[in-house]
Amino acid sequence: MHRLFVICVALAACTDRDVDRMAKVRDEICQCKTVKCAETALEHVPKQDVKSNPRTQKIAREMLDCLAEVYQSNAPTQDPDAPSDPETSDPASARKP
């Protein structure tokens, strides 16, 4: 009976460690403002098997939501009347003929 208790505690600790690591990666991604930053943070996701449970699934969902927000905020606009970004605009086009 004592061994069973020790095994259960050990398994719970492993799961908590996975949850903590995934939560740190989620926090990194959610703080990013650029796609490059988010993709770099995404590389920190644990490579070995992480046990799927409601907590890890929730964190993964939040991670993907943050990643989608970063992609959406950095996507080029499709509005032709939108002001252009002065850093990316062609300086030659700003000159008058």
Protein backbone atom coordinates (compact mmCIF):
# COMPACT_ATOMS: atom_id res chain seq x y z
CA MET A 1 0.00 0.00 0.00
CA HIS A 2 2.86 2.34 0.84
CA ARG A 3 4.45 1.76 -2.59
CA LEU A 4 1.23 2.62 -4.36
CA PHE A 5 1.07 5.93 -2.50
CA VAL A 6 4.69 6.76 -3.45
CA ILE A 7 4.05 5.92 -7.12
CA CYS A 8 0.92 8.09 -7.20
CA VAL A 9 2.79 11.03 -5.68
CA ALA A 10 5.66 10.59 -8.17
CA LEU A 11 3.29 10.49 -11.14
CA ALA A 12 1.47 13.59 -9.93
CA ALA A 13 4.79 15.43 -9.59
CA CYS A 14 5.76 14.57 -13.18
CA THR A 15 2.46 15.86 -14.45
CA ASP A 16 2.81 19.08 -12.47
CA ARG A 17 6.29 19.58 -13.92
CA ASP A 18 4.92 19.21 -17.46
CA VAL A 19 2.11 21.64 -16.70
CA ASP A 20 4.56 24.17 -15.25
CA ARG A 21 6.87 23.95 -18.28
CA MET A 22 3.99 24.34 -20.70
CA ALA A 23 2.60 27.26 -18.70
CA LYS A 24 5.98 29.04 -18.92
CA VAL A 25 6.05 28.58 -22.69
CA ARG A 26 2.46 29.84 -22.92
CA ASP A 27 3.41 32.93 -20.95
CA GLU A 28 6.40 33.55 -23.24
CA ILE A 29 4.23 33.28 -26.36
CA CYS A 30 1.50 35.51 -24.94
CA GLN A 31 4.06 38.25 -24.19
CA CYS A 32 5.40 38.27 -27.76
CA LYS A 33 4.54 41.07 -30.15
CA THR A 34 6.22 39.62 -33.25
CA VAL A 35 5.85 36.34 -35.10
CA LYS A 36 9.57 35.62 -34.79
CA CYS A 37 9.41 35.97 -30.99
CA ALA A 38 6.36 33.68 -30.78
CA GLU A 39 7.91 31.03 -33.01
CA THR A 40 11.13 31.11 -30.98
CA ALA A 41 9.15 30.67 -27.77
CA LEU A 42 7.18 27.84 -29.38
CA GLU A 43 10.42 25.92 -29.82
CA HIS A 44 10.60 25.64 -26.02
CA VAL A 45 7.59 23.31 -25.91
CA PRO A 46 8.75 20.03 -24.34
CA LYS A 47 9.79 17.57 -27.05
CA GLN A 48 9.17 14.40 -25.07
CA ASP A 49 5.70 13.05 -24.48
CA VAL A 50 3.56 15.24 -22.26
CA LYS A 51 0.61 13.46 -20.74
CA SER A 52 -2.63 14.82 -22.08
CA ASN A 53 -5.04 15.88 -19.38
CA PRO A 54 -7.51 18.73 -19.01
CA ARG A 55 -4.84 21.09 -17.62
CA THR A 56 -2.30 20.50 -20.39
CA GLN A 57 -5.03 20.72 -23.03
CA LYS A 58 -6.21 24.06 -21.61
CA ILE A 59 -2.67 25.44 -21.63
CA ALA A 60 -2.10 24.23 -25.20
CA ARG A 61 -5.36 25.88 -26.30
CA GLU A 62 -4.33 29.17 -24.63
CA MET A 63 -0.91 28.90 -26.27
CA LEU A 64 -2.47 28.54 -29.72
CA ASP A 65 -4.88 31.41 -29.06
CA CYS A 66 -1.97 33.72 -28.22
CA LEU A 67 -0.06 32.50 -31.27
CA ALA A 68 -3.08 33.22 -33.48
CA GLU A 69 -3.35 36.75 -32.04
CA VAL A 70 0.31 37.42 -32.81
CA TYR A 71 -0.10 36.15 -36.37
CA GLN A 72 -3.26 38.21 -36.85
CA SER A 73 -1.76 41.41 -35.46
CA ASN A 74 1.28 41.06 -37.75
CA ALA A 75 -0.65 40.14 -40.89
CA PRO A 76 -0.53 42.68 -43.71
CA THR A 77 -3.73 44.60 -44.23
CA GLN A 78 -5.90 43.94 -47.25
CA ASP A 79 -7.36 47.46 -47.14
CA PRO A 80 -5.98 49.51 -50.04
CA ASP A 81 -6.97 52.76 -48.27
CA ALA A 82 -5.13 51.91 -45.06
CA PRO A 83 -2.15 54.12 -44.28
CA SER A 84 1.12 52.49 -45.14
CA ASP A 85 3.84 51.85 -42.60
CA PRO A 86 6.59 54.43 -43.17
CA GLU A 87 9.29 51.89 -42.31
CA THR A 88 8.20 49.47 -45.02
CA SER A 89 7.09 51.92 -47.70
CA ASP A 90 9.23 52.62 -50.73
CA PRO A 91 11.08 55.94 -50.21
CA ALA A 92 11.25 56.47 -53.98
CA SER A 93 7.47 56.59 -54.24
CA ALA A 94 7.33 59.42 -51.70
CA ARG A 95 9.26 61.73 -54.03
CA LYS A 96 7.30 63.89 -56.42
CA PRO A 97 8.22 63.74 -60.11
